[in-house]
Amino acid sequence: MYDPSHLRTFLSVAQTLSFTQAARRLGLRQSTVSQHVRRLEDATGRQLFSRDTHSVELTEDGEAMLGFARRILEVHEQATAFFTGTRLRGRLRFGASEDFVLTRLPEILEGFRHDHPEVDLELTVELSGTLHERLAAGKLDLVLAKRRPEDPRGEPVWSDRLVWIGAERLRLEPDRPVPLIVYPPPGITRALALEALQREGRAWRVACTSGSLNGLIAAARAGLGVMAHSRGLVPPGLVRVPERAGLPELGGVDFVLVHGRHRPSAQGAANALAAAVLAGGVRLHRPQRTGLG
C-alpha cells in the first residue's frame, strides 16, 4: 500500500520542510518529490503537508505518518538484510556534537544497534570543531555536528538559527560588558558569538567556559550570563534573551553529517547510521526521554 520510495521522500520533506532541499538530498527532480508526496497522500486519503509559496508544514496526519513511515522502512530494511544475507559488521566510530546531548539521538542510536547488532558502535561526544578535527585525522568515521560557515562539506540534517539564551530573570546592563557563557576553542558557536559582538562593537567578558553542555546550562540557569544556542534546541529552564537587550543577530547554523575517508571497511556501517539519522532527523529537535550517559 505504501511504496518505500514514497515514504523515504516523505521523511526527507518532513525533515527539511522543503521540497527543494529534499530533492537535492535525494538526487531527484522537485517534480518527482511532489509526485511521491501526492501519491502517498492519495494512498492514505489524507493531506500530509500544508504548503504555500512560502512554507511547508506537517499536518496532524503528517505527524502521525512520521512514526508509521519510519517503522515501515525499518522493517523493510530488516527483511531485505535478512533475505540477502547482507549483515553489517565491524567497528564504527561515530562522533556527535554536544548540541545533541539533550535531544532524542539516543533513540536513533538504540534503533541502529537493534537493526545492526554485529556493528560495534563507538560514540564520541565532543565540540563540533573538535569532531571535525578528529574526523580529518582519521580518528572518526562519521560525524554529526555543526558545520563551519566556510566549510561546504557534509550532508545537511537541518538548518537553524542561533539565538541568545539565558535565565528568565537575567537582566543585561547596556553600559556593561556582555557576560558570556561559552565553549572553549575550537567551539563553532563560541566563534560565531564573538564575531557577532565584535561586528557590533559590543564589549563582552567570559563569565563561564565549559566543554560540557550541561556545565554551560548550569551556569546559564544560575544567571551568570548568556550563551549562543540553536533556536530549536533551547534547553529546559532557559529562554531567549528579549530583543530589547540589544544583542546582535547571530545568523544561521547548519547541522550536517560528514563521512570520514580513512577506513573504507567502515563505510557500509557509516552509510546505514547516516540513513538512520536522516530518517529520524525530526526527533533531534525534540527533548529526550533519557540521556546519552
C-alpha atoms as a PDB file:
ATOM      1  CA  MET A   1       0.000   0.000   0.000  1.00  0.00           C
ATOM      2  CA  TYR A   2       2.831   2.394   0.839  1.00  0.00           C
ATOM      3  CA  ASP A   3       5.752   2.486  -1.586  1.00  0.00           C
ATOM      4  CA  PRO A   4       9.099   2.638   0.309  1.00  0.00           C
ATOM      5  CA  SER A   5      10.459   5.225  -2.130  1.00  0.00           C
ATOM      6  CA  HIS A   6       7.459   7.453  -1.428  1.00  0.00           C
ATOM      7  CA  LEU A   7       7.989   7.035   2.315  1.00  0.00           C
ATOM      8  CA  ARG A   8      11.673   7.965   2.044  1.00  0.00           C
ATOM      9  CA  THR A   9      10.738  11.089   0.090  1.00  0.00           C
ATOM     10  CA  PHE A  10       8.080  11.960   2.653  1.00  0.00           C
ATOM     11  CA  LEU A  11      10.605  11.669   5.509  1.00  0.00           C
ATOM     12  CA  SER A  12      13.089  13.867   3.692  1.00  0.00           C
ATOM     13  CA  VAL A  13      10.480  16.590   3.096  1.00  0.00           C
ATOM     14  CA  ALA A  14       9.283  16.295   6.713  1.00  0.00           C
ATOM     15  CA  GLN A  15      12.847  16.712   7.940  1.00  0.00           C
ATOM     16  CA  THR A  16      13.818  19.673   5.767  1.00  0.00           C
ATOM     17  CA  LEU A  17      10.324  21.224   5.408  1.00  0.00           C
ATOM     18  CA  SER A  18      11.401  21.995   1.861  1.00  0.00           C
ATOM     19  CA  PHE A  19      10.598  20.182  -1.388  1.00  0.00           C
ATOM     20  CA  THR A  20      13.665  21.802  -2.960  1.00  0.00           C
ATOM     21  CA  GLN A  21      16.072  20.630  -0.246  1.00  0.00           C
ATOM     22  CA  ALA A  22      14.514  17.164  -0.205  1.00  0.00           C
ATOM     23  CA  ALA A  23      15.017  16.881  -3.956  1.00  0.00           C
ATOM     24  CA  ARG A  24      18.649  17.934  -3.636  1.00  0.00           C
ATOM     25  CA  ARG A  25      19.277  15.451  -0.810  1.00  0.00           C
ATOM     26  CA  LEU A  26      17.618  12.544  -2.642  1.00  0.00           C
ATOM     27  CA  GLY A  27      19.069  13.363  -6.060  1.00  0.00           C
ATOM     28  CA  LEU A  28      15.576  13.721  -7.555  1.00  0.00           C
ATOM     29  CA  ARG A  29      13.760  16.380  -9.500  1.00  0.00           C
ATOM     30  CA  GLN A  30      11.487  18.578  -7.439  1.00  0.00           C
ATOM     31  CA  SER A  31       8.556  17.472  -9.585  1.00  0.00           C
ATOM     32  CA  THR A  32       9.347  13.846  -8.663  1.00  0.00           C
ATOM     33  CA  VAL A  33       9.378  14.725  -4.962  1.00  0.00           C
ATOM     34  CA  SER A  34       5.989  16.421  -5.330  1.00  0.00           C
ATOM     35  CA  GLN A  35       4.675  13.384  -7.200  1.00  0.00           C
ATOM     36  CA  HIS A  36       5.857  10.981  -4.484  1.00  0.00           C
ATOM     37  CA  VAL A  37       4.179  13.038  -1.764  1.00  0.00           C
ATOM     38  CA  ARG A  38       0.977  13.345  -3.781  1.00  0.00           C
ATOM     39  CA  ARG A  39       0.833   9.576  -4.355  1.00  0.00           C
ATOM     40  CA  LEU A  40       1.402   8.919  -0.656  1.00  0.00           C
ATOM     41  CA  GLU A  41      -1.388  11.352   0.184  1.00  0.00           C
ATOM     42  CA  ASP A  42      -3.609   9.558  -2.335  1.00  0.00           C
ATOM     43  CA  ALA A  43      -2.760   6.209  -0.707  1.00  0.00           C
ATOM     44  CA  THR A  44      -3.591   7.487   2.789  1.00  0.00           C
ATOM     45  CA  GLY A  45      -6.522   9.600   1.736  1.00  0.00           C
ATOM     46  CA  ARG A  46      -5.139  12.374   3.956  1.00  0.00           C
ATOM     47  CA  GLN A  47      -3.239  15.614   3.484  1.00  0.00           C
ATOM     48  CA  LEU A  48       0.228  15.182   4.993  1.00  0.00           C
ATOM     49  CA  PHE A  49       1.619  18.683   4.394  1.00  0.00           C
ATOM     50  CA  SER A  50       0.100  22.132   4.404  1.00  0.00           C
ATOM     51  CA  ARG A  51       2.063  24.237   1.964  1.00  0.00           C
ATOM     52  CA  ASP A  52       2.005  27.576   0.204  1.00  0.00           C
ATOM     53  CA  THR A  53       4.570  29.603  -1.728  1.00  0.00           C
ATOM     54  CA  HIS A  54       6.476  30.464   1.459  1.00  0.00           C
ATOM     55  CA  SER A  55       6.366  27.493   3.814  1.00  0.00           C
ATOM     56  CA  VAL A  56       5.825  23.760   4.230  1.00  0.00           C
ATOM     57  CA  GLU A  57       4.407  22.345   7.472  1.00  0.00           C
ATOM     58  CA  LEU A  58       3.332  18.884   8.609  1.00  0.00           C
ATOM     59  CA  THR A  59      -0.373  18.409   9.242  1.00  0.00           C
ATOM     60  CA  GLU A  60      -1.587  16.327  12.197  1.00  0.00           C
ATOM     61  CA  ASP A  61      -1.919  13.365   9.830  1.00  0.00           C
ATOM     62  CA  GLY A  62       1.596  14.068   8.585  1.00  0.00           C
ATOM     63  CA  GLU A  63       2.905  13.959  12.155  1.00  0.00           C
ATOM     64  CA  ALA A  64       1.207  10.587  12.617  1.00  0.00           C
ATOM     65  CA  MET A  65       2.680   9.291   9.352  1.00  0.00           C
ATOM     66  CA  LEU A  66       6.209  10.102  10.591  1.00  0.00           C
ATOM     67  CA  GLY A  67       6.194   7.216  13.061  1.00  0.00           C
ATOM     68  CA  PHE A  68       4.493   4.812  10.664  1.00  0.00           C
ATOM     69  CA  ALA A  69       6.913   5.655   7.825  1.00  0.00           C
ATOM     70  CA  ARG A  70       9.980   5.096   9.976  1.00  0.00           C
ATOM     71  CA  ARG A  71       8.722   1.746  11.260  1.00  0.00           C
ATOM     72  CA  ILE A  72       7.681   0.548   7.799  1.00  0.00           C
ATOM     73  CA  LEU A  73      11.090   1.421   6.340  1.00  0.00           C
ATOM     74  CA  GLU A  74      12.923  -0.164   9.278  1.00  0.00           C
ATOM     75  CA  VAL A  75      11.039  -3.436   8.835  1.00  0.00           C
ATOM     76  CA  HIS A  76      11.565  -3.262   5.060  1.00  0.00           C
ATOM     77  CA  GLU A  77      15.332  -2.864   5.536  1.00  0.00           C
ATOM     78  CA  GLN A  78      15.450  -5.653   8.128  1.00  0.00           C
ATOM     79  CA  ALA A  79      13.657  -8.031   5.755  1.00  0.00           C
ATOM     80  CA  THR A  80      15.965  -7.079   2.893  1.00  0.00           C
ATOM     81  CA  ALA A  81      19.066  -7.641   5.022  1.00  0.00           C
ATOM     82  CA  PHE A  82      17.746 -10.987   6.303  1.00  0.00           C
ATOM     83  CA  PHE A  83      16.943 -12.472   2.910  1.00  0.00           C
ATOM     84  CA  THR A  84      20.006 -11.108   1.114  1.00  0.00           C
ATOM     85  CA  GLY A  85      22.370 -12.020   3.932  1.00  0.00           C
ATOM     86  CA  THR A  86      23.950  -8.557   3.934  1.00  0.00           C
ATOM     87  CA  ARG A  87      24.541  -8.113   7.647  1.00  0.00           C
ATOM     88  CA  LEU A  88      26.788  -5.231   8.624  1.00  0.00           C
ATOM     89  CA  ARG A  89      29.766  -5.967  10.836  1.00  0.00           C
ATOM     90  CA  GLY A  90      32.827  -4.218  12.215  1.00  0.00           C
ATOM     91  CA  ARG A  91      33.624  -1.126  14.240  1.00  0.00           C
ATOM     92  CA  LEU A  92      32.046   2.260  13.631  1.00  0.00           C
ATOM     93  CA  ARG A  93      33.461   5.364  15.314  1.00  0.00           C
ATOM     94  CA  PHE A  94      30.675   7.947  15.467  1.00  0.00           C
ATOM     95  CA  GLY A  95      31.071  11.488  16.759  1.00  0.00           C
ATOM     96  CA  ALA A  96      28.095  13.609  17.881  1.00  0.00           C
ATOM     97  CA  SER A  97      28.196  17.265  18.852  1.00  0.00           C
ATOM     98  CA  GLU A  98      27.463  18.350  22.420  1.00  0.00           C
ATOM     99  CA  ASP A  99      24.360  20.024  20.963  1.00  0.00           C
ATOM    100  CA  PHE A 100      22.639  16.641  20.800  1.00  0.00           C
ATOM    101  CA  VAL A 101      23.117  15.657  24.451  1.00  0.00           C
ATOM    102  CA  LEU A 102      19.586  16.781  25.319  1.00  0.00           C
ATOM    103  CA  THR A 103      17.851  15.507  22.169  1.00  0.00           C
ATOM    104  CA  ARG A 104      16.462  12.097  21.322  1.00  0.00           C
ATOM    105  CA  LEU A 105      19.560  10.987  19.428  1.00  0.00           C
ATOM    106  CA  PRO A 106      19.885   8.039  21.877  1.00  0.00           C
ATOM    107  CA  GLU A 107      16.642   6.613  20.485  1.00  0.00           C
ATOM    108  CA  ILE A 108      18.067   6.704  16.958  1.00  0.00           C
ATOM    109  CA  LEU A 109      21.276   5.026  18.115  1.00  0.00           C
ATOM    110  CA  GLU A 110      19.291   2.395  20.014  1.00  0.00           C
ATOM    111  CA  GLY A 111      17.335   1.591  16.866  1.00  0.00           C
ATOM    112  CA  PHE A 112      20.545   1.336  14.843  1.00  0.00           C
ATOM    113  CA  ARG A 113      22.101  -1.080  17.359  1.00  0.00           C
ATOM    114  CA  HIS A 114      18.936  -3.189  17.296  1.00  0.00           C
ATOM    115  CA  ASP A 115      18.979  -3.378  13.493  1.00  0.00           C
ATOM    116  CA  HIS A 116      22.753  -3.976  13.253  1.00  0.00           C
ATOM    117  CA  PRO A 117      23.785  -5.945  16.359  1.00  0.00           C
ATOM    118  CA  GLU A 118      27.101  -7.026  14.832  1.00  0.00           C
ATOM    119  CA  VAL A 119      28.353  -3.456  14.440  1.00  0.00           C
ATOM    120  CA  ASP A 120      30.496  -2.243  17.343  1.00  0.00           C
ATOM    121  CA  LEU A 121      29.356   1.353  17.727  1.00  0.00           C
ATOM    122  CA  GLU A 122      31.839   3.651  19.484  1.00  0.00           C
ATOM    123  CA  LEU A 123      30.319   7.041  20.394  1.00  0.00           C
ATOM    124  CA  THR A 124      32.323  10.234  20.985  1.00  0.00           C
ATOM    125  CA  VAL A 125      30.510  13.344  22.269  1.00  0.00           C
ATOM    126  CA  GLU A 126      32.565  16.493  21.763  1.00  0.00           C
ATOM    127  CA  LEU A 127      32.568  20.057  20.469  1.00  0.00           C
ATOM    128  CA  SER A 128      31.756  20.353  16.763  1.00  0.00           C
ATOM    129  CA  GLY A 129      35.152  21.886  15.990  1.00  0.00           C
ATOM    130  CA  THR A 130      36.966  19.075  17.794  1.00  0.00           C
ATOM    131  CA  LEU A 131      34.913  16.420  15.989  1.00  0.00           C
ATOM    132  CA  HIS A 132      35.816  17.878  12.596  1.00  0.00           C
ATOM    133  CA  GLU A 133      39.488  17.817  13.590  1.00  0.00           C
ATOM    134  CA  ARG A 134      39.265  14.172  14.742  1.00  0.00           C
ATOM    135  CA  LEU A 135      37.487  13.212  11.524  1.00  0.00           C
ATOM    136  CA  ALA A 136      40.202  14.853   9.422  1.00  0.00           C
ATOM    137  CA  ALA A 137      42.848  12.989  11.460  1.00  0.00           C
ATOM    138  CA  GLY A 138      41.183   9.643  10.727  1.00  0.00           C
ATOM    139  CA  LYS A 139      40.052   9.087  14.322  1.00  0.00           C
ATOM    140  CA  LEU A 140      36.314   9.050  13.481  1.00  0.00           C
ATOM    141  CA  ASP A 141      34.276   7.501  10.663  1.00  0.00           C
ATOM    142  CA  LEU A 142      31.127   9.640  10.799  1.00  0.00           C
ATOM    143  CA  VAL A 143      30.330  12.959  12.479  1.00  0.00           C
ATOM    144  CA  LEU A 144      27.035  14.690  13.276  1.00  0.00           C
ATOM    145  CA  ALA A 145      27.882  18.284  14.125  1.00  0.00           C
ATOM    146  CA  LYS A 146      27.594  21.952  13.294  1.00  0.00           C
ATOM    147  CA  ARG A 147      29.362  22.996  10.125  1.00  0.00           C
ATOM    148  CA  ARG A 148      31.888  25.782   9.992  1.00  0.00           C
ATOM    149  CA  PRO A 149      30.490  28.658   7.881  1.00  0.00           C
ATOM    150  CA  GLU A 150      33.300  28.377   5.331  1.00  0.00           C
ATOM    151  CA  ASP A 151      33.096  24.565   5.070  1.00  0.00           C
ATOM    152  CA  PRO A 152      30.903  23.258   2.197  1.00  0.00           C
ATOM    153  CA  ARG A 153      31.283  19.599   3.185  1.00  0.00           C
ATOM    154  CA  GLY A 154      28.623  17.481   4.776  1.00  0.00           C
ATOM    155  CA  GLU A 155      25.086  16.265   4.166  1.00  0.00           C
ATOM    156  CA  PRO A 156      22.588  18.696   5.740  1.00  0.00           C
ATOM    157  CA  VAL A 157      20.433  17.257   8.511  1.00  0.00           C
ATOM    158  CA  TRP A 158      18.712  20.562   9.173  1.00  0.00           C
ATOM    159  CA  SER A 159      19.390  24.282   9.326  1.00  0.00           C
ATOM    160  CA  ASP A 160      18.543  26.506  12.253  1.00  0.00           C
ATOM    161  CA  ARG A 161      19.203  29.976  13.600  1.00  0.00           C
ATOM    162  CA  LEU A 162      21.394  30.768  16.564  1.00  0.00           C
ATOM    163  CA  VAL A 163      19.802  32.820  19.345  1.00  0.00           C
ATOM    164  CA  TRP A 164      20.917  34.269  22.662  1.00  0.00           C
ATOM    165  CA  ILE A 165      19.515  32.404  25.673  1.00  0.00           C
ATOM    166  CA  GLY A 166      19.749  32.764  29.436  1.00  0.00           C
ATOM    167  CA  ALA A 167      17.812  32.584  32.684  1.00  0.00           C
ATOM    168  CA  GLU A 168      14.407  34.267  32.564  1.00  0.00           C
ATOM    169  CA  ARG A 169      15.332  36.581  35.446  1.00  0.00           C
ATOM    170  CA  LEU A 170      18.634  37.686  33.867  1.00  0.00           C
ATOM    171  CA  ARG A 171      18.915  41.403  33.091  1.00  0.00           C
ATOM    172  CA  LEU A 172      21.752  42.816  30.993  1.00  0.00           C
ATOM    173  CA  GLU A 173      23.138  46.270  31.682  1.00  0.00           C
ATOM    174  CA  PRO A 174      23.621  48.152  28.373  1.00  0.00           C
ATOM    175  CA  ASP A 175      26.716  50.006  29.640  1.00  0.00           C
ATOM    176  CA  ARG A 176      28.495  46.898  30.918  1.00  0.00           C
ATOM    177  CA  PRO A 177      30.259  44.078  29.001  1.00  0.00           C
ATOM    178  CA  VAL A 178      28.010  41.189  27.968  1.00  0.00           C
ATOM    179  CA  PRO A 179      28.682  38.204  30.289  1.00  0.00           C
ATOM    180  CA  LEU A 180      29.260  35.199  28.038  1.00  0.00           C
ATOM    181  CA  ILE A 181      28.856  31.500  28.733  1.00  0.00           C
ATOM    182  CA  VAL A 182      30.848  29.685  26.046  1.00  0.00           C
ATOM    183  CA  TYR A 183      32.534  26.513  24.945  1.00  0.00           C
ATOM    184  CA  PRO A 184      36.344  26.637  24.785  1.00  0.00           C
ATOM    185  CA  PRO A 185      38.071  26.879  21.388  1.00  0.00           C
ATOM    186  CA  PRO A 186      37.583  25.486  18.769  1.00  0.00           C
ATOM    187  CA  GLY A 187      33.849  25.749  19.527  1.00  0.00           C
ATOM    188  CA  ILE A 188      31.960  26.915  16.437  1.00  0.00           C
ATOM    189  CA  THR A 189      29.174  28.575  18.444  1.00  0.00           C
ATOM    190  CA  ARG A 190      31.777  30.433  20.523  1.00  0.00           C
ATOM    191  CA  ALA A 191      33.456  31.809  17.406  1.00  0.00           C
ATOM    192  CA  LEU A 192      30.151  32.965  15.887  1.00  0.00           C
ATOM    193  CA  ALA A 193      29.101  34.679  19.130  1.00  0.00           C
ATOM    194  CA  LEU A 194      32.382  36.574  19.487  1.00  0.00           C
ATOM    195  CA  GLU A 195      32.361  37.607  15.829  1.00  0.00           C
ATOM    196  CA  ALA A 196      28.808  38.969  16.151  1.00  0.00           C
ATOM    197  CA  LEU A 197      29.666  41.039  19.220  1.00  0.00           C
ATOM    198  CA  GLN A 198      32.867  42.356  17.651  1.00  0.00           C
ATOM    199  CA  ARG A 199      30.992  43.413  14.490  1.00  0.00           C
ATOM    200  CA  GLU A 200      28.618  45.479  16.636  1.00  0.00           C
ATOM    201  CA  GLY A 201      31.436  46.871  18.762  1.00  0.00           C
ATOM    202  CA  ARG A 202      29.787  45.439  21.868  1.00  0.00           C
ATOM    203  CA  ALA A 203      32.067  44.797  24.847  1.00  0.00           C
ATOM    204  CA  TRP A 204      32.000  41.342  26.381  1.00  0.00           C
ATOM    205  CA  ARG A 205      33.594  39.196  29.058  1.00  0.00           C
ATOM    206  CA  VAL A 206      33.710  35.438  29.567  1.00  0.00           C
ATOM    207  CA  ALA A 207      31.639  34.532  32.637  1.00  0.00           C
ATOM    208  CA  CYS A 208      31.936  30.750  32.197  1.00  0.00           C
ATOM    209  CA  THR A 209      33.835  28.341  29.958  1.00  0.00           C
ATOM    210  CA  SER A 210      32.967  24.646  29.839  1.00  0.00           C
ATOM    211  CA  GLY A 211      33.438  21.841  27.363  1.00  0.00           C
ATOM    212  CA  SER A 212      30.232  20.272  28.648  1.00  0.00           C
ATOM    213  CA  LEU A 213      26.793  21.421  27.537  1.00  0.00           C
ATOM    214  CA  ASN A 214      25.434  20.510  30.961  1.00  0.00           C
ATOM    215  CA  GLY A 215      28.068  22.774  32.516  1.00  0.00           C
ATOM    216  CA  LEU A 216      27.027  25.677  30.296  1.00  0.00           C
ATOM    217  CA  ILE A 217      23.356  25.093  31.059  1.00  0.00           C
ATOM    218  CA  ALA A 218      24.041  25.072  34.805  1.00  0.00           C
ATOM    219  CA  ALA A 219      25.884  28.394  34.552  1.00  0.00           C
ATOM    220  CA  ALA A 220      23.088  29.910  32.441  1.00  0.00           C
ATOM    221  CA  ARG A 221      20.384  28.718  34.834  1.00  0.00           C
ATOM    222  CA  ALA A 222      22.363  30.297  37.684  1.00  0.00           C
ATOM    223  CA  GLY A 223      22.107  33.634  35.879  1.00  0.00           C
ATOM    224  CA  LEU A 224      25.829  34.024  35.221  1.00  0.00           C
ATOM    225  CA  GLY A 225      25.355  35.237  31.663  1.00  0.00           C
ATOM    226  CA  VAL A 226      24.064  34.490  28.165  1.00  0.00           C
ATOM    227  CA  MET A 227      25.001  31.842  25.635  1.00  0.00           C
ATOM    228  CA  ALA A 228      24.515  31.414  21.896  1.00  0.00           C
ATOM    229  CA  HIS A 229      22.484  28.325  21.103  1.00  0.00           C
ATOM    230  CA  SER A 230      20.412  26.721  18.376  1.00  0.00           C
ATOM    231  CA  ARG A 231      16.847  28.081  18.416  1.00  0.00           C
ATOM    232  CA  GLY A 232      15.375  24.593  18.017  1.00  0.00           C
ATOM    233  CA  LEU A 233      17.373  23.077  20.891  1.00  0.00           C
ATOM    234  CA  VAL A 234      16.836  25.557  23.752  1.00  0.00           C
ATOM    235  CA  PRO A 235      17.263  23.550  26.991  1.00  0.00           C
ATOM    236  CA  PRO A 236      14.506  23.484  29.641  1.00  0.00           C
ATOM    237  CA  GLY A 237      14.784  26.260  32.212  1.00  0.00           C
ATOM    238  CA  LEU A 238      16.270  28.761  29.750  1.00  0.00           C
ATOM    239  CA  VAL A 239      14.616  31.325  27.476  1.00  0.00           C
ATOM    240  CA  ARG A 240      15.546  33.513  24.552  1.00  0.00           C
ATOM    241  CA  VAL A 241      17.026  36.862  25.532  1.00  0.00           C
ATOM    242  CA  PRO A 242      14.497  39.560  24.527  1.00  0.00           C
ATOM    243  CA  GLU A 243      15.338  41.901  21.648  1.00  0.00           C
ATOM    244  CA  ARG A 244      15.297  44.913  23.958  1.00  0.00           C
ATOM    245  CA  ALA A 245      18.623  43.653  25.377  1.00  0.00           C
ATOM    246  CA  GLY A 246      20.193  44.859  22.132  1.00  0.00           C
ATOM    247  CA  LEU A 247      22.330  41.788  21.439  1.00  0.00           C
ATOM    248  CA  PRO A 248      23.422  41.331  17.803  1.00  0.00           C
ATOM    249  CA  GLU A 249      21.931  38.807  15.398  1.00  0.00           C
ATOM    250  CA  LEU A 250      23.913  35.570  15.316  1.00  0.00           C
ATOM    251  CA  GLY A 251      22.836  34.229  11.929  1.00  0.00           C
ATOM    252  CA  GLY A 252      22.186  30.667  10.887  1.00  0.00           C
ATOM    253  CA  VAL A 253      23.890  27.363  11.529  1.00  0.00           C
ATOM    254  CA  ASP A 254      23.872  24.084   9.620  1.00  0.00           C
ATOM    255  CA  PHE A 255      23.907  20.669  11.269  1.00  0.00           C
ATOM    256  CA  VAL A 256      25.485  18.117   8.938  1.00  0.00           C
ATOM    257  CA  LEU A 257      26.670  14.546   8.629  1.00  0.00           C
ATOM    258  CA  VAL A 258      30.257  14.228   7.406  1.00  0.00           C
ATOM    259  CA  HIS A 259      31.852  10.913   6.414  1.00  0.00           C
ATOM    260  CA  GLY A 260      35.470  10.020   7.009  1.00  0.00           C
ATOM    261  CA  ARG A 261      37.576   8.579   4.204  1.00  0.00           C
ATOM    262  CA  HIS A 262      40.315   6.794   6.145  1.00  0.00           C
ATOM    263  CA  ARG A 263      38.626   3.419   6.740  1.00  0.00           C
ATOM    264  CA  PRO A 264      36.708   2.009   3.751  1.00  0.00           C
ATOM    265  CA  SER A 265      35.781  -1.004   5.914  1.00  0.00           C
ATOM    266  CA  ALA A 266      33.502   1.254   7.990  1.00  0.00           C
ATOM    267  CA  GLN A 267      31.710   2.792   5.019  1.00  0.00           C
ATOM    268  CA  GLY A 268      28.754   0.384   4.992  1.00  0.00           C
ATOM    269  CA  ALA A 269      28.004   0.872   8.683  1.00  0.00           C
ATOM    270  CA  ALA A 270      28.522   4.637   8.385  1.00  0.00           C
ATOM    271  CA  ASN A 271      26.076   4.822   5.478  1.00  0.00           C
ATOM    272  CA  ALA A 272      23.487   2.842   7.450  1.00  0.00           C
ATOM    273  CA  LEU A 273      23.804   5.060  10.517  1.00  0.00           C
ATOM    274  CA  ALA A 274      23.694   8.205   8.380  1.00  0.00           C
ATOM    275  CA  ALA A 275      20.459   6.932   6.806  1.00  0.00           C
ATOM    276  CA  ALA A 276      19.011   6.279  10.275  1.00  0.00           C
ATOM    277  CA  VAL A 277      19.915   9.792  11.450  1.00  0.00           C
ATOM    278  CA  LEU A 278      18.430  11.381   8.323  1.00  0.00           C
ATOM    279  CA  ALA A 279      15.258   9.282   8.620  1.00  0.00           C
ATOM    280  CA  GLY A 280      14.871  10.185  12.290  1.00  0.00           C
ATOM    281  CA  GLY A 281      16.097  13.756  11.992  1.00  0.00           C
ATOM    282  CA  VAL A 282      12.814  15.241  13.183  1.00  0.00           C
ATOM    283  CA  ARG A 283      13.366  13.602  16.572  1.00  0.00           C
ATOM    284  CA  LEU A 284      16.612  15.551  17.018  1.00  0.00           C
ATOM    285  CA  HIS A 285      14.530  18.687  17.571  1.00  0.00           C
ATOM    286  CA  ARG A 286      12.650  17.153  20.480  1.00  0.00           C
ATOM    287  CA  PRO A 287      13.540  16.623  24.147  1.00  0.00           C
ATOM    288  CA  GLN A 288      14.988  13.262  25.073  1.00  0.00           C
ATOM    289  CA  ARG A 289      13.415  10.706  27.372  1.00  0.00           C
ATOM    290  CA  THR A 290      16.814   9.549  28.616  1.00  0.00           C
ATOM    291  CA  GLY A 291      20.330  10.964  28.452  1.00  0.00           C
ATOM    292  CA  LEU A 292      23.378   9.934  26.468  1.00  0.00           C
ATOM    293  CA  GLY A 293      25.165   8.655  29.519  1.00  0.00           C
END
